Amino acid sequence: MQTNATYTSLVAVGDSFTEGMSDLLPDGSYRGWADLLAGRMAARTPGFRYANLAVRGKLIGQIVAEQVDVAAAMRPDVITLVGGLNDTLRPKVDMGRVRGLLEEAVERLAPACERLVLMRSPGRNGPVLERFRPRMEELFTVVDDLAKRHDALVVDLYGAPSLADPRVWDVDRLHLSAEGHRRVAEAVWQTLGYEAEDAEWRTPMAPTAPPGWVARRGADARFAQQHLLPWIGRRLTGRSSGDGLPAKRPELLPYEGPVTGGHGG
């Protein structure tokens, strides 16, 4: 694959996946695949500019209302858009509305950049994925259709065995670990036409002995107490983990490494 060093700017649009949860930095802020990607692109292109408008918990309607026009006005070389998955995880969802909002977002963003990147989000093996798999796959069918119609790139993370492995997910079972984000950054990097740095990012991690029954039950109990119950509570009350939080990189500025002191978990 030919190395493409012509992109000079990147704007990332989306929710917690693009914000970078749960790739935690020492100061309590999040890094994530988009920051990693921007760092690589900046190393190839002096003066490279980057903005990340993503905020955790956002539904596709909020992404369209709060981020899409801002990103389009920046007119960067590359825009990444990942949204709609939070909608599919709600107890009830109008997939027709999700489809319409995604289409609206793509129609606004595609003309505003040289290259629009969409994604089929990764799914962690387990009961949550099985429950919501039909909705997710319906969402990805929409993504594929929009990409064909608007000449956008699609990064297929859902089809990567490595990203289904629970070991590349955080203890909350909803967000990728640092290793998961590294693999996503590599996937987008290659999709944009850059020479592979890790040609095996799709390859599953080497097998290890599974934890024992007691360890699994303990992990399940901690997960339920620390993550599942608060998540259910927010769903029932209509609150979001991102309520009141700003984007961590709201302006398209030269990339100079991770922003420190940003909002953490």
C-alpha atoms as a PDB file:
ATOM      1  CA  MET A   1       0.000   0.000   0.000  1.00  0.00           C
ATOM      2  CA  GLN A   2       1.292   3.424  -0.883  1.00  0.00           C
ATOM      3  CA  THR A   3       1.931   5.789   1.988  1.00  0.00           C
ATOM      4  CA  ASN A   4      -0.381   8.794   1.836  1.00  0.00           C
ATOM      5  CA  ALA A   5       1.150  11.825   3.544  1.00  0.00           C
ATOM      6  CA  THR A   6      -1.091  14.448   2.007  1.00  0.00           C
ATOM      7  CA  TYR A   7      -3.697  14.831   4.750  1.00  0.00           C
ATOM      8  CA  THR A   8      -3.120  17.983   6.767  1.00  0.00           C
ATOM      9  CA  SER A   9      -6.079  17.995   9.170  1.00  0.00           C
ATOM     10  CA  LEU A  10      -8.488  15.676  10.982  1.00  0.00           C
ATOM     11  CA  VAL A  11     -11.767  16.246  12.807  1.00  0.00           C
ATOM     12  CA  ALA A  12     -13.307  13.407  14.839  1.00  0.00           C
ATOM     13  CA  VAL A  13     -17.067  13.344  15.482  1.00  0.00           C
ATOM     14  CA  GLY A  14     -18.925  10.957  17.770  1.00  0.00           C
ATOM     15  CA  ASP A  15     -19.421   9.623  21.293  1.00  0.00           C
ATOM     16  CA  SER A  16     -17.320   7.891  23.978  1.00  0.00           C
ATOM     17  CA  PHE A  17     -15.700   5.553  21.465  1.00  0.00           C
ATOM     18  CA  THR A  18     -14.133   8.517  19.657  1.00  0.00           C
ATOM     19  CA  GLU A  19     -13.559  10.537  22.831  1.00  0.00           C
ATOM     20  CA  GLY A  20     -11.219   7.742  23.878  1.00  0.00           C
ATOM     21  CA  MET A  21     -12.824   5.946  26.816  1.00  0.00           C
ATOM     22  CA  SER A  22     -11.294   3.916  28.442  1.00  0.00           C
ATOM     23  CA  ASP A  23      -7.728   4.611  27.264  1.00  0.00           C
ATOM     24  CA  LEU A  24      -6.840   6.407  30.474  1.00  0.00           C
ATOM     25  CA  LEU A  25      -3.838   8.722  30.783  1.00  0.00           C
ATOM     26  CA  PRO A  26      -1.975   9.264  34.091  1.00  0.00           C
ATOM     27  CA  ASP A  27      -3.723  12.612  34.688  1.00  0.00           C
ATOM     28  CA  GLY A  28      -7.178  11.018  34.464  1.00  0.00           C
ATOM     29  CA  SER A  29      -8.039  12.195  30.951  1.00  0.00           C
ATOM     30  CA  TYR A  30      -8.617   9.912  27.975  1.00  0.00           C
ATOM     31  CA  ARG A  31      -6.482   9.425  24.881  1.00  0.00           C
ATOM     32  CA  GLY A  32      -8.058   6.909  22.468  1.00  0.00           C
ATOM     33  CA  TRP A  33      -7.715   5.887  18.837  1.00  0.00           C
ATOM     34  CA  ALA A  34      -8.442   9.330  17.365  1.00  0.00           C
ATOM     35  CA  ASP A  35      -5.639  10.980  19.357  1.00  0.00           C
ATOM     36  CA  LEU A  36      -3.289   8.133  18.443  1.00  0.00           C
ATOM     37  CA  LEU A  37      -4.210   8.500  14.776  1.00  0.00           C
ATOM     38  CA  ALA A  38      -3.721  12.258  14.878  1.00  0.00           C
ATOM     39  CA  GLY A  39      -0.309  11.790  16.459  1.00  0.00           C
ATOM     40  CA  ARG A  40       0.780   9.474  13.673  1.00  0.00           C
ATOM     41  CA  MET A  41      -0.538  11.774  10.964  1.00  0.00           C
ATOM     42  CA  ALA A  42       1.118  14.788  12.593  1.00  0.00           C
ATOM     43  CA  ALA A  43       4.456  12.962  12.641  1.00  0.00           C
ATOM     44  CA  ARG A  44       4.216  12.696   8.846  1.00  0.00           C
ATOM     45  CA  THR A  45       2.898  16.199   8.149  1.00  0.00           C
ATOM     46  CA  PRO A  46       4.324  19.349   9.771  1.00  0.00           C
ATOM     47  CA  GLY A  47       1.598  21.729  10.930  1.00  0.00           C
ATOM     48  CA  PHE A  48      -1.018  18.971  11.051  1.00  0.00           C
ATOM     49  CA  ARG A  49      -4.229  20.167  12.724  1.00  0.00           C
ATOM     50  CA  TYR A  50      -6.684  18.132  14.798  1.00  0.00           C
ATOM     51  CA  ALA A  51     -10.023  18.592  16.544  1.00  0.00           C
ATOM     52  CA  ASN A  52     -12.018  16.007  18.490  1.00  0.00           C
ATOM     53  CA  LEU A  53     -15.642  17.020  19.045  1.00  0.00           C
ATOM     54  CA  ALA A  54     -16.783  13.675  20.486  1.00  0.00           C
ATOM     55  CA  VAL A  55     -18.481  13.514  23.880  1.00  0.00           C
ATOM     56  CA  ARG A  56     -19.381  10.345  25.753  1.00  0.00           C
ATOM     57  CA  GLY A  57     -23.000   9.225  25.899  1.00  0.00           C
ATOM     58  CA  LYS A  58     -24.192  11.202  22.881  1.00  0.00           C
ATOM     59  CA  LEU A  59     -27.020   9.807  20.769  1.00  0.00           C
ATOM     60  CA  ILE A  60     -26.974  10.298  17.010  1.00  0.00           C
ATOM     61  CA  GLY A  61     -29.491  13.134  17.260  1.00  0.00           C
ATOM     62  CA  GLN A  62     -27.209  14.994  19.661  1.00  0.00           C
ATOM     63  CA  ILE A  63     -24.194  14.356  17.472  1.00  0.00           C
ATOM     64  CA  VAL A  64     -26.018  15.829  14.483  1.00  0.00           C
ATOM     65  CA  ALA A  65     -27.278  18.821  16.469  1.00  0.00           C
ATOM     66  CA  GLU A  66     -24.065  19.630  18.341  1.00  0.00           C
ATOM     67  CA  GLN A  67     -21.108  18.408  16.282  1.00  0.00           C
ATOM     68  CA  VAL A  68     -21.854  17.959  12.593  1.00  0.00           C
ATOM     69  CA  ASP A  69     -22.164  21.591  11.516  1.00  0.00           C
ATOM     70  CA  VAL A  70     -19.150  22.533  13.649  1.00  0.00           C
ATOM     71  CA  ALA A  71     -17.051  19.849  11.947  1.00  0.00           C
ATOM     72  CA  ALA A  72     -18.289  20.780   8.480  1.00  0.00           C
ATOM     73  CA  ALA A  73     -17.406  24.440   9.043  1.00  0.00           C
ATOM     74  CA  MET A  74     -13.811  23.470   9.821  1.00  0.00           C
ATOM     75  CA  ARG A  75     -13.458  21.905   6.344  1.00  0.00           C
ATOM     76  CA  PRO A  76     -10.642  19.511   7.281  1.00  0.00           C
ATOM     77  CA  ASP A  77      -9.063  16.993   4.950  1.00  0.00           C
ATOM     78  CA  VAL A  78     -10.457  14.057   6.948  1.00  0.00           C
ATOM     79  CA  ILE A  79     -13.589  13.705   9.089  1.00  0.00           C
ATOM     80  CA  THR A  80     -14.368  10.551  11.048  1.00  0.00           C
ATOM     81  CA  LEU A  81     -17.989   9.929  12.033  1.00  0.00           C
ATOM     82  CA  VAL A  82     -18.996   7.162  14.436  1.00  0.00           C
ATOM     83  CA  GLY A  83     -22.464   7.383  15.966  1.00  0.00           C
ATOM     84  CA  GLY A  84     -25.716   5.581  16.501  1.00  0.00           C
ATOM     85  CA  LEU A  85     -24.451   2.738  18.660  1.00  0.00           C
ATOM     86  CA  ASN A  86     -25.670   4.391  21.868  1.00  0.00           C
ATOM     87  CA  ASP A  87     -29.112   4.540  20.281  1.00  0.00           C
ATOM     88  CA  THR A  88     -29.081   0.805  19.565  1.00  0.00           C
ATOM     89  CA  LEU A  89     -28.264   0.072  23.220  1.00  0.00           C
ATOM     90  CA  ARG A  90     -31.358   1.871  24.505  1.00  0.00           C
ATOM     91  CA  PRO A  91     -34.323  -0.292  25.579  1.00  0.00           C
ATOM     92  CA  LYS A  92     -36.365   1.181  22.732  1.00  0.00           C
ATOM     93  CA  VAL A  93     -35.039   2.714  19.544  1.00  0.00           C
ATOM     94  CA  ASP A  94     -36.542   3.973  16.303  1.00  0.00           C
ATOM     95  CA  MET A  95     -34.073   2.609  13.775  1.00  0.00           C
ATOM     96  CA  GLY A  96     -35.787   4.534  11.006  1.00  0.00           C
ATOM     97  CA  ARG A  97     -35.000   7.765  12.837  1.00  0.00           C
ATOM     98  CA  VAL A  98     -31.403   6.645  13.420  1.00  0.00           C
ATOM     99  CA  ARG A  99     -31.085   5.941   9.708  1.00  0.00           C
ATOM    100  CA  GLY A 100     -32.427   9.370   8.800  1.00  0.00           C
ATOM    101  CA  LEU A 101     -30.116  11.181  11.210  1.00  0.00           C
ATOM    102  CA  LEU A 102     -27.055   9.287  10.014  1.00  0.00           C
ATOM    103  CA  GLU A 103     -27.966  10.131   6.459  1.00  0.00           C
ATOM    104  CA  GLU A 104     -28.338  13.790   7.412  1.00  0.00           C
ATOM    105  CA  ALA A 105     -24.923  13.752   9.072  1.00  0.00           C
ATOM    106  CA  VAL A 106     -23.206  12.139   6.087  1.00  0.00           C
ATOM    107  CA  GLU A 107     -24.885  14.487   3.614  1.00  0.00           C
ATOM    108  CA  ARG A 108     -23.525  17.479   5.548  1.00  0.00           C
ATOM    109  CA  LEU A 109     -20.048  16.106   6.225  1.00  0.00           C
ATOM    110  CA  ALA A 110     -19.112  14.430   2.940  1.00  0.00           C
ATOM    111  CA  PRO A 111     -18.974  17.667   0.903  1.00  0.00           C
ATOM    112  CA  ALA A 112     -17.022  19.431   3.668  1.00  0.00           C
ATOM    113  CA  CYS A 113     -13.913  17.233   3.573  1.00  0.00           C
ATOM    114  CA  GLU A 114     -11.612  15.413   1.219  1.00  0.00           C
ATOM    115  CA  ARG A 115     -12.242  12.060   2.883  1.00  0.00           C
ATOM    116  CA  LEU A 116     -15.107  10.998   5.158  1.00  0.00           C
ATOM    117  CA  VAL A 117     -14.460   7.897   7.272  1.00  0.00           C
ATOM    118  CA  LEU A 118     -17.306   5.813   8.719  1.00  0.00           C
ATOM    119  CA  MET A 119     -17.017   2.700  10.877  1.00  0.00           C
ATOM    120  CA  ARG A 120     -18.655  -0.586  11.709  1.00  0.00           C
ATOM    121  CA  SER A 121     -18.076  -0.412  15.456  1.00  0.00           C
ATOM    122  CA  PRO A 122     -16.437  -3.307  17.315  1.00  0.00           C
ATOM    123  CA  GLY A 123     -18.514  -5.671  19.414  1.00  0.00           C
ATOM    124  CA  ARG A 124     -17.285  -7.492  22.521  1.00  0.00           C
ATOM    125  CA  ASN A 125     -18.126 -11.183  22.646  1.00  0.00           C
ATOM    126  CA  GLY A 126     -20.704 -11.847  25.351  1.00  0.00           C
ATOM    127  CA  PRO A 127     -24.414 -11.650  26.202  1.00  0.00           C
ATOM    128  CA  VAL A 128     -24.704  -7.904  25.609  1.00  0.00           C
ATOM    129  CA  LEU A 129     -23.515  -8.253  22.019  1.00  0.00           C
ATOM    130  CA  GLU A 130     -25.870 -11.148  21.387  1.00  0.00           C
ATOM    131  CA  ARG A 131     -28.826  -9.198  22.697  1.00  0.00           C
ATOM    132  CA  PHE A 132     -28.174  -6.135  20.571  1.00  0.00           C
ATOM    133  CA  ARG A 133     -26.488  -7.763  17.567  1.00  0.00           C
ATOM    134  CA  PRO A 134     -29.538  -7.436  15.227  1.00  0.00           C
ATOM    135  CA  ARG A 135     -29.772  -3.683  15.863  1.00  0.00           C
ATOM    136  CA  MET A 136     -26.024  -3.238  15.454  1.00  0.00           C
ATOM    137  CA  GLU A 137     -26.003  -5.091  12.153  1.00  0.00           C
ATOM    138  CA  GLU A 138     -28.957  -3.032  10.948  1.00  0.00           C
ATOM    139  CA  LEU A 139     -26.956   0.093  11.827  1.00  0.00           C
ATOM    140  CA  PHE A 140     -23.927  -1.208   9.937  1.00  0.00           C
ATOM    141  CA  THR A 141     -26.056  -1.903   6.859  1.00  0.00           C
ATOM    142  CA  VAL A 142     -26.994   1.779   6.919  1.00  0.00           C
ATOM    143  CA  VAL A 143     -23.319   2.739   7.269  1.00  0.00           C
ATOM    144  CA  ASP A 144     -22.333   0.588   4.289  1.00  0.00           C
ATOM    145  CA  ASP A 145     -25.123   2.026   2.155  1.00  0.00           C
ATOM    146  CA  LEU A 146     -24.255   5.621   2.996  1.00  0.00           C
ATOM    147  CA  ALA A 147     -20.570   5.000   2.295  1.00  0.00           C
ATOM    148  CA  LYS A 148     -21.347   3.690  -1.178  1.00  0.00           C
ATOM    149  CA  ARG A 149     -23.628   6.594  -1.968  1.00  0.00           C
ATOM    150  CA  HIS A 150     -21.271   9.291  -0.705  1.00  0.00           C
ATOM    151  CA  ASP A 151     -17.869   7.786  -1.562  1.00  0.00           C
ATOM    152  CA  ALA A 152     -16.883   7.440   2.093  1.00  0.00           C
ATOM    153  CA  LEU A 153     -14.450   4.930   3.549  1.00  0.00           C
ATOM    154  CA  VAL A 154     -15.667   2.246   5.961  1.00  0.00           C
ATOM    155  CA  VAL A 155     -13.420   0.731   8.631  1.00  0.00           C
ATOM    156  CA  ASP A 156     -14.784  -2.716   9.499  1.00  0.00           C
ATOM    157  CA  LEU A 157     -13.993  -3.133  13.189  1.00  0.00           C
ATOM    158  CA  TYR A 158     -17.010  -5.360  13.767  1.00  0.00           C
ATOM    159  CA  GLY A 159     -15.512  -8.015  11.506  1.00  0.00           C
ATOM    160  CA  ALA A 160     -12.126  -8.043  13.277  1.00  0.00           C
ATOM    161  CA  PRO A 161     -11.719 -11.078  15.568  1.00  0.00           C
ATOM    162  CA  SER A 162      -9.132  -9.264  17.686  1.00  0.00           C
ATOM    163  CA  LEU A 163     -11.630  -6.588  18.725  1.00  0.00           C
ATOM    164  CA  ALA A 164     -14.239  -9.128  19.853  1.00  0.00           C
ATOM    165  CA  ASP A 165     -11.816 -10.474  22.466  1.00  0.00           C
ATOM    166  CA  PRO A 166     -12.895  -9.368  25.984  1.00  0.00           C
ATOM    167  CA  ARG A 167      -9.214  -8.787  26.803  1.00  0.00           C
ATOM    168  CA  VAL A 168      -9.090  -5.663  24.616  1.00  0.00           C
ATOM    169  CA  TRP A 169     -12.064  -4.156  26.472  1.00  0.00           C
ATOM    170  CA  ASP A 170     -12.143  -2.236  29.725  1.00  0.00           C
ATOM    171  CA  VAL A 171     -13.686  -3.640  32.904  1.00  0.00           C
ATOM    172  CA  ASP A 172     -16.908  -1.728  32.135  1.00  0.00           C
ATOM    173  CA  ARG A 173     -17.357  -4.034  29.090  1.00  0.00           C
ATOM    174  CA  LEU A 174     -18.546  -1.087  27.007  1.00  0.00           C
ATOM    175  CA  HIS A 175     -15.299   0.668  26.084  1.00  0.00           C
ATOM    176  CA  LEU A 176     -12.013  -0.471  24.594  1.00  0.00           C
ATOM    177  CA  SER A 177      -8.792  -0.694  26.559  1.00  0.00           C
ATOM    178  CA  ALA A 178      -5.586   1.027  25.478  1.00  0.00           C
ATOM    179  CA  GLU A 179      -4.716  -2.020  23.358  1.00  0.00           C
ATOM    180  CA  GLY A 180      -8.127  -1.933  21.699  1.00  0.00           C
ATOM    181  CA  HIS A 181      -7.749   1.744  20.840  1.00  0.00           C
ATOM    182  CA  ARG A 182      -4.268   1.089  19.455  1.00  0.00           C
ATOM    183  CA  ARG A 183      -5.688  -1.497  17.086  1.00  0.00           C
ATOM    184  CA  VAL A 184      -8.492   0.818  15.980  1.00  0.00           C
ATOM    185  CA  ALA A 185      -5.979   3.594  15.261  1.00  0.00           C
ATOM    186  CA  GLU A 186      -4.024   1.146  13.114  1.00  0.00           C
ATOM    187  CA  ALA A 187      -7.177   0.116  11.268  1.00  0.00           C
ATOM    188  CA  VAL A 188      -8.106   3.703  10.398  1.00  0.00           C
ATOM    189  CA  TRP A 189      -4.488   4.509   9.530  1.00  0.00           C
ATOM    190  CA  GLN A 190      -4.395   1.707   6.965  1.00  0.00           C
ATOM    191  CA  THR A 191      -7.842   2.537   5.600  1.00  0.00           C
ATOM    192  CA  LEU A 192      -6.673   6.084   4.902  1.00  0.00           C
ATOM    193  CA  GLY A 193      -3.889   4.655   2.749  1.00  0.00           C
ATOM    194  CA  TYR A 194      -0.899   4.807   5.056  1.00  0.00           C
ATOM    195  CA  GLU A 195       1.630   1.989   5.135  1.00  0.00           C
ATOM    196  CA  ALA A 196       0.828  -0.588   7.809  1.00  0.00           C
ATOM    197  CA  GLU A 197       2.698  -0.378  11.088  1.00  0.00           C
ATOM    198  CA  ASP A 198       0.879  -3.441  12.423  1.00  0.00           C
ATOM    199  CA  ALA A 199      -0.315  -5.659   9.602  1.00  0.00           C
ATOM    200  CA  GLU A 200      -1.722  -8.118  12.154  1.00  0.00           C
ATOM    201  CA  TRP A 201      -4.100  -5.785  14.005  1.00  0.00           C
ATOM    202  CA  ARG A 202      -7.039  -8.061  13.129  1.00  0.00           C
ATOM    203  CA  THR A 203      -5.268 -11.141  14.472  1.00  0.00           C
ATOM    204  CA  PRO A 204      -6.604 -12.352  17.838  1.00  0.00           C
ATOM    205  CA  MET A 205      -4.359 -12.200  20.869  1.00  0.00           C
ATOM    206  CA  ALA A 206      -2.626 -15.426  21.892  1.00  0.00           C
ATOM    207  CA  PRO A 207      -4.891 -17.615  24.019  1.00  0.00           C
ATOM    208  CA  THR A 208      -4.451 -17.619  27.772  1.00  0.00           C
ATOM    209  CA  ALA A 209      -5.931 -19.775  30.506  1.00  0.00           C
ATOM    210  CA  PRO A 210      -9.420 -18.471  31.360  1.00  0.00           C
ATOM    211  CA  PRO A 211      -9.994 -17.199  34.910  1.00  0.00           C
ATOM    212  CA  GLY A 212     -11.564 -19.608  37.359  1.00  0.00           C
ATOM    213  CA  TRP A 213     -15.216 -19.649  38.371  1.00  0.00           C
ATOM    214  CA  VAL A 214     -14.675 -17.642  41.559  1.00  0.00           C
ATOM    215  CA  ALA A 215     -12.669 -14.966  39.736  1.00  0.00           C
ATOM    216  CA  ARG A 216     -15.331 -14.704  37.016  1.00  0.00           C
ATOM    217  CA  ARG A 217     -18.158 -14.340  39.531  1.00  0.00           C
ATOM    218  CA  GLY A 218     -16.210 -11.702  41.426  1.00  0.00           C
ATOM    219  CA  ALA A 219     -15.570  -9.757  38.222  1.00  0.00           C
ATOM    220  CA  ASP A 220     -19.257 -10.016  37.307  1.00  0.00           C
ATOM    221  CA  ALA A 221     -20.294  -8.672  40.718  1.00  0.00           C
ATOM    222  CA  ARG A 222     -17.882  -5.722  40.513  1.00  0.00           C
ATOM    223  CA  PHE A 223     -19.010  -4.970  36.965  1.00  0.00           C
ATOM    224  CA  ALA A 224     -22.673  -4.948  38.005  1.00  0.00           C
ATOM    225  CA  GLN A 225     -22.073  -2.696  41.010  1.00  0.00           C
ATOM    226  CA  GLN A 226     -19.636  -0.231  39.445  1.00  0.00           C
ATOM    227  CA  HIS A 227     -20.834  -0.051  35.855  1.00  0.00           C
ATOM    228  CA  LEU A 228     -24.050  -1.893  34.983  1.00  0.00           C
ATOM    229  CA  LEU A 229     -26.329  -0.480  37.683  1.00  0.00           C
ATOM    230  CA  PRO A 230     -25.233   3.159  37.129  1.00  0.00           C
ATOM    231  CA  TRP A 231     -25.661   2.660  33.357  1.00  0.00           C
ATOM    232  CA  ILE A 232     -29.203   1.306  33.858  1.00  0.00           C
ATOM    233  CA  GLY A 233     -29.971   4.196  36.185  1.00  0.00           C
ATOM    234  CA  ARG A 234     -28.965   6.733  33.550  1.00  0.00           C
ATOM    235  CA  ARG A 235     -31.097   4.955  30.943  1.00  0.00           C
ATOM    236  CA  LEU A 236     -34.154   4.995  33.224  1.00  0.00           C
ATOM    237  CA  THR A 237     -33.790   8.669  34.118  1.00  0.00           C
ATOM    238  CA  GLY A 238     -32.831   9.896  30.651  1.00  0.00           C
ATOM    239  CA  ARG A 239     -29.440  11.141  31.829  1.00  0.00           C
ATOM    240  CA  SER A 240     -26.148  10.713  30.005  1.00  0.00           C
ATOM    241  CA  SER A 241     -22.574  10.329  31.220  1.00  0.00           C
ATOM    242  CA  GLY A 242     -21.706  13.219  28.905  1.00  0.00           C
ATOM    243  CA  ASP A 243     -24.261  15.715  30.153  1.00  0.00           C
ATOM    244  CA  GLY A 244     -22.569  19.089  30.558  1.00  0.00           C
ATOM    245  CA  LEU A 245     -19.176  17.924  29.282  1.00  0.00           C
ATOM    246  CA  PRO A 246     -17.417  19.856  26.505  1.00  0.00           C
ATOM    247  CA  ALA A 247     -15.485  18.353  23.625  1.00  0.00           C
ATOM    248  CA  LYS A 248     -11.868  17.763  24.616  1.00  0.00           C
ATOM    249  CA  ARG A 249     -10.483  19.372  21.434  1.00  0.00           C
ATOM    250  CA  PRO A 250     -13.152  21.800  20.228  1.00  0.00           C
ATOM    251  CA  GLU A 251     -10.883  23.779  17.891  1.00  0.00           C
ATOM    252  CA  LEU A 252      -8.938  22.705  14.819  1.00  0.00           C
ATOM    253  CA  LEU A 253      -5.420  23.457  16.024  1.00  0.00           C
ATOM    254  CA  PRO A 254      -1.918  22.070  15.440  1.00  0.00           C
ATOM    255  CA  TYR A 255      -1.522  18.703  17.137  1.00  0.00           C
ATOM    256  CA  GLU A 256       1.048  18.783  19.928  1.00  0.00           C
ATOM    257  CA  GLY A 257       0.258  15.599  21.832  1.00  0.00           C
ATOM    258  CA  PRO A 258      -2.484  14.637  24.295  1.00  0.00           C
ATOM    259  CA  VAL A 259      -4.393  17.369  26.059  1.00  0.00           C
ATOM    260  CA  THR A 260      -3.804  17.017  29.815  1.00  0.00           C
ATOM    261  CA  GLY A 261      -6.218  17.966  32.540  1.00  0.00           C
ATOM    262  CA  GLY A 262      -9.287  17.080  30.448  1.00  0.00           C
ATOM    263  CA  HIS A 263     -12.409  15.401  31.794  1.00  0.00           C
ATOM    264  CA  GLY A 264     -11.937  11.838  32.935  1.00  0.00           C
ATOM    265  CA  GLY A 265     -14.404   9.134  33.883  1.00  0.00           C
END
